[in-house]
Amino acid sequence: MKNPLLRPWLTEKSTGLTEQKGQYVFVVKPEADKIDIKMAIEEKFGVDVKSVRTVYCLGKSRRQNTRKGLITGKKSDWKKAIVTLADGQAIDYYSGSSQKSEG
């Protein structure tokens, strides 16, 4: 697979995981597997990945009332990956590179 990473998933919960446990959350392509995700993150950010967990999220169904009646639809299904890095390593989302923190 060429590049399974789509974008980082930045929420309050994912930011808390980053600050407390050194875990980062990414939205990935649904057909990506853990090995592809690990290799892509190590190549793009230059860090050592300790583990990868994936979650397949089902899209919600939506309804909308219009003049012509009820329109039903569904949001797309998507997949996210929770990546744990080795101790002392971090990812800077905005520059696309990593930094090693000393502490």
C-alpha atoms as a PDB file:
ATOM      1  CA  MET A   1       0.000   0.000   0.000  1.00  0.00           C
ATOM      2  CA  LYS A   2       1.376   3.387  -0.977  1.00  0.00           C
ATOM      3  CA  ASN A   3       0.442   5.562   2.038  1.00  0.00           C
ATOM      4  CA  PRO A   4      -2.303   4.423   4.416  1.00  0.00           C
ATOM      5  CA  LEU A   5      -2.264   7.619   6.524  1.00  0.00           C
ATOM      6  CA  LEU A   6      -4.983  10.150   5.716  1.00  0.00           C
ATOM      7  CA  ARG A   7      -4.725  12.704   8.550  1.00  0.00           C
ATOM      8  CA  PRO A   8      -4.189  12.974  12.290  1.00  0.00           C
ATOM      9  CA  TRP A   9      -7.318  12.698  14.440  1.00  0.00           C
ATOM     10  CA  LEU A  10      -7.165  15.673  16.821  1.00  0.00           C
ATOM     11  CA  THR A  11      -9.785  15.569  19.566  1.00  0.00           C
ATOM     12  CA  GLU A  12      -9.703  16.152  23.315  1.00  0.00           C
ATOM     13  CA  LYS A  13      -9.432  12.434  23.937  1.00  0.00           C
ATOM     14  CA  SER A  14      -6.631  11.888  21.411  1.00  0.00           C
ATOM     15  CA  THR A  15      -4.729  14.897  22.767  1.00  0.00           C
ATOM     16  CA  GLY A  16      -5.014  13.435  26.267  1.00  0.00           C
ATOM     17  CA  LEU A  17      -3.635  10.105  25.012  1.00  0.00           C
ATOM     18  CA  THR A  18      -0.701  11.960  23.481  1.00  0.00           C
ATOM     19  CA  GLU A  19       0.085  13.891  26.661  1.00  0.00           C
ATOM     20  CA  GLN A  20      -0.362  11.011  29.117  1.00  0.00           C
ATOM     21  CA  LYS A  21       0.691   7.866  27.257  1.00  0.00           C
ATOM     22  CA  GLY A  22       2.612   8.992  24.166  1.00  0.00           C
ATOM     23  CA  GLN A  23      -0.044   7.594  21.833  1.00  0.00           C
ATOM     24  CA  TYR A  24      -1.056   9.268  18.580  1.00  0.00           C
ATOM     25  CA  VAL A  25      -4.304   8.779  16.640  1.00  0.00           C
ATOM     26  CA  PHE A  26      -4.537   8.834  12.831  1.00  0.00           C
ATOM     27  CA  VAL A  27      -7.365   8.333  10.359  1.00  0.00           C
ATOM     28  CA  VAL A  28      -6.198   5.635   7.952  1.00  0.00           C
ATOM     29  CA  LYS A  29      -7.516   3.957   4.821  1.00  0.00           C
ATOM     30  CA  PRO A  30     -10.004   1.154   5.639  1.00  0.00           C
ATOM     31  CA  GLU A  31      -7.945  -1.472   3.792  1.00  0.00           C
ATOM     32  CA  ALA A  32      -4.716  -0.626   5.681  1.00  0.00           C
ATOM     33  CA  ASP A  33      -3.308  -3.209   8.073  1.00  0.00           C
ATOM     34  CA  LYS A  34      -1.147  -2.680  11.153  1.00  0.00           C
ATOM     35  CA  ILE A  35       2.136  -3.459   9.407  1.00  0.00           C
ATOM     36  CA  ASP A  36       1.465  -0.905   6.635  1.00  0.00           C
ATOM     37  CA  ILE A  37       0.536   1.736   9.221  1.00  0.00           C
ATOM     38  CA  LYS A  38       3.660   1.055  11.294  1.00  0.00           C
ATOM     39  CA  MET A  39       5.978   1.273   8.280  1.00  0.00           C
ATOM     40  CA  ALA A  40       4.331   4.481   7.018  1.00  0.00           C
ATOM     41  CA  ILE A  41       4.645   6.265  10.369  1.00  0.00           C
ATOM     42  CA  GLU A  42       8.245   5.167  10.867  1.00  0.00           C
ATOM     43  CA  GLU A  43       9.128   6.344   7.350  1.00  0.00           C
ATOM     44  CA  LYS A  44       7.259   9.666   7.446  1.00  0.00           C
ATOM     45  CA  PHE A  45       8.090  10.820  10.981  1.00  0.00           C
ATOM     46  CA  GLY A  46      11.353   8.931  11.679  1.00  0.00           C
ATOM     47  CA  VAL A  47      10.210   7.406  14.987  1.00  0.00           C
ATOM     48  CA  ASP A  48      10.142   3.902  16.459  1.00  0.00           C
ATOM     49  CA  VAL A  49       6.605   2.505  16.706  1.00  0.00           C
ATOM     50  CA  LYS A  50       6.045   0.193  19.662  1.00  0.00           C
ATOM     51  CA  SER A  51       2.478  -0.906  18.848  1.00  0.00           C
ATOM     52  CA  VAL A  52      -0.489  -0.158  16.596  1.00  0.00           C
ATOM     53  CA  ARG A  53      -4.154  -0.654  17.495  1.00  0.00           C
ATOM     54  CA  THR A  54      -6.893  -0.185  14.907  1.00  0.00           C
ATOM     55  CA  VAL A  55     -10.584   0.628  15.274  1.00  0.00           C
ATOM     56  CA  TYR A  56     -13.131   0.334  12.467  1.00  0.00           C
ATOM     57  CA  CYS A  57     -15.815   2.999  13.001  1.00  0.00           C
ATOM     58  CA  LEU A  58     -19.212   2.626  11.361  1.00  0.00           C
ATOM     59  CA  GLY A  59     -20.755   5.712   9.781  1.00  0.00           C
ATOM     60  CA  LYS A  60     -23.936   7.082  11.306  1.00  0.00           C
ATOM     61  CA  SER A  61     -27.234   7.056   9.452  1.00  0.00           C
ATOM     62  CA  ARG A  62     -28.742  10.480   8.807  1.00  0.00           C
ATOM     63  CA  ARG A  63     -32.268  11.703   8.008  1.00  0.00           C
ATOM     64  CA  GLN A  64     -33.380  15.050   6.676  1.00  0.00           C
ATOM     65  CA  ASN A  65     -36.906  16.385   6.223  1.00  0.00           C
ATOM     66  CA  THR A  66     -37.419  18.360   3.020  1.00  0.00           C
ATOM     67  CA  ARG A  67     -40.419  19.600   1.079  1.00  0.00           C
ATOM     68  CA  LYS A  68     -40.352  16.500  -1.049  1.00  0.00           C
ATOM     69  CA  GLY A  69     -40.253  14.162   1.922  1.00  0.00           C
ATOM     70  CA  LEU A  70     -37.786  12.358   4.110  1.00  0.00           C
ATOM     71  CA  ILE A  71     -34.297  11.814   2.715  1.00  0.00           C
ATOM     72  CA  THR A  72     -32.185   9.138   4.367  1.00  0.00           C
ATOM     73  CA  GLY A  73     -28.472   8.638   3.971  1.00  0.00           C
ATOM     74  CA  LYS A  74     -25.387   7.319   5.680  1.00  0.00           C
ATOM     75  CA  LYS A  75     -21.986   8.759   6.505  1.00  0.00           C
ATOM     76  CA  SER A  76     -18.963   6.806   5.314  1.00  0.00           C
ATOM     77  CA  ASP A  77     -17.360   4.092   7.430  1.00  0.00           C
ATOM     78  CA  TRP A  78     -13.798   4.930   8.490  1.00  0.00           C
ATOM     79  CA  LYS A  79     -10.843   3.465  10.309  1.00  0.00           C
ATOM     80  CA  LYS A  80      -8.487   4.953  12.883  1.00  0.00           C
ATOM     81  CA  ALA A  81      -5.168   3.772  14.223  1.00  0.00           C
ATOM     82  CA  ILE A  82      -3.840   4.399  17.739  1.00  0.00           C
ATOM     83  CA  VAL A  83      -0.050   4.340  17.568  1.00  0.00           C
ATOM     84  CA  THR A  84       2.221   3.975  20.614  1.00  0.00           C
ATOM     85  CA  LEU A  85       5.761   5.273  20.214  1.00  0.00           C
ATOM     86  CA  ALA A  86       8.932   4.225  21.991  1.00  0.00           C
ATOM     87  CA  ASP A  87       9.799   6.132  25.172  1.00  0.00           C
ATOM     88  CA  GLY A  88      11.193   9.621  24.674  1.00  0.00           C
ATOM     89  CA  GLN A  89       9.871  10.098  21.140  1.00  0.00           C
ATOM     90  CA  ALA A  90       7.201  12.457  19.839  1.00  0.00           C
ATOM     91  CA  ILE A  91       5.551  13.445  16.557  1.00  0.00           C
ATOM     92  CA  ASP A  92       5.123  17.026  15.417  1.00  0.00           C
ATOM     93  CA  TYR A  93       2.031  16.930  13.152  1.00  0.00           C
ATOM     94  CA  TYR A  94       2.613  20.314  11.566  1.00  0.00           C
ATOM     95  CA  SER A  95       6.205  19.965  10.336  1.00  0.00           C
ATOM     96  CA  GLY A  96       5.935  16.281   9.361  1.00  0.00           C
ATOM     97  CA  SER A  97       8.994  15.338  11.366  1.00  0.00           C
ATOM     98  CA  SER A  98       9.704  13.935  14.796  1.00  0.00           C
ATOM     99  CA  GLN A  99      11.542  15.239  17.799  1.00  0.00           C
ATOM    100  CA  LYS A 100      13.218  13.412  20.613  1.00  0.00           C
ATOM    101  CA  SER A 101      12.373  14.864  23.992  1.00  0.00           C
ATOM    102  CA  GLU A 102      14.874  14.653  26.794  1.00  0.00           C
ATOM    103  CA  GLY A 103      13.530  14.285  30.273  1.00  0.00           C
END
